[in-house]
Amino acid sequence: MAIKADYHVHTSFSGDSDAPMEEVIRRAVSLGLTHICITEHFDPDYVYASGETGLYDLNTDSYLYELLKLREKYKDQIRVGFGVELGLQPHLKRQLAVYSKSYDFDFIIGSSHLCNRKDPYYPDFYEERSEEEAHREYFESVLECIRSLPYFDVYGHLDYVVRYGPTRNERFTYARHADVFDRILTHLIENEKGIELNTHGLRAGLGQPNPCTDILRRYRELGGELITIGSDAHTPADIGSHFDQACDILKACGFQYYCVFQNRMPEYFKL
């Protein structure tokens, strides 16, 4: 496996995972990875379709305590990063600013799981309009979030919305939303923010990573170089999933390096 770092991983400290952290780390070691970054969900004011809240309220102190124990235990086998996946919503500007500075994170992913208070995971996000209109609303909300909430290093699964629509990504193309994508990518590059290649889409049968190959290629064409690779694993079995394919995709898109982070600073490794 050419890629030796998985930088998007969840354990039982995330509301949507039951994976014991030690099992996740042991799985990474068994695959020959040299770096792993745990990126638990912190998605305050997340509203479930049922109206339930609190699913992604992270107990960061407990999470960090467990991570530090295991980091020491496995220090001779793998470097374990302390990360978080921030759920970006414009009205949380102050809360996320304070939180991101309250801990010595190695790495922060910014993600948009909610668009105007609705999660595209649920069918009601697509009701009474075309799928393309729903996609457009989501991508415009991403642009708003990255402009107003700069508390991250890399933006995660940029086309998250295409995972769950009525036709998933069958009718989705970069070209249909090129204007807003170019504004997103240009803003990220100008502000020294990266993106990730998230292999969930490959694992889920989309035939593409998140974001898709055309977006990855366009990011590189615009001058973007800062890119991490993450499995978005919620179980030990998915650690490092499809990383050989990810490596081939990145090379085909013009990338020569991928990144890991320590103390919020990128380090580059040749593909």
Foldseek 3Di string as FASTA:
>chain_A
DQAQEAEAEEDCQALPFPHDPVLLVVLSLVVVHAEYEYAHECEAPQADPVRDGDSGHGPLVVVVVVQVVVCVVCVVRHHYFYHYEYAFDLVCQVVLVVVLPPDQGQFYEYEHQDQPNHGLQDAVLCPPHHLLVSQLSVLVRLLVRCVRHVSGAAYELNSVNLCHYPVRCPPPDCVSVVVSLVSNLVVCVVVNHHYEFECCCVVSVVVATRVGLVSLLVSVVSPGAEYAYHPNDSYSVSGPPCVVVVVVSNVVSPYQWYWDTGSSDTDIDGD
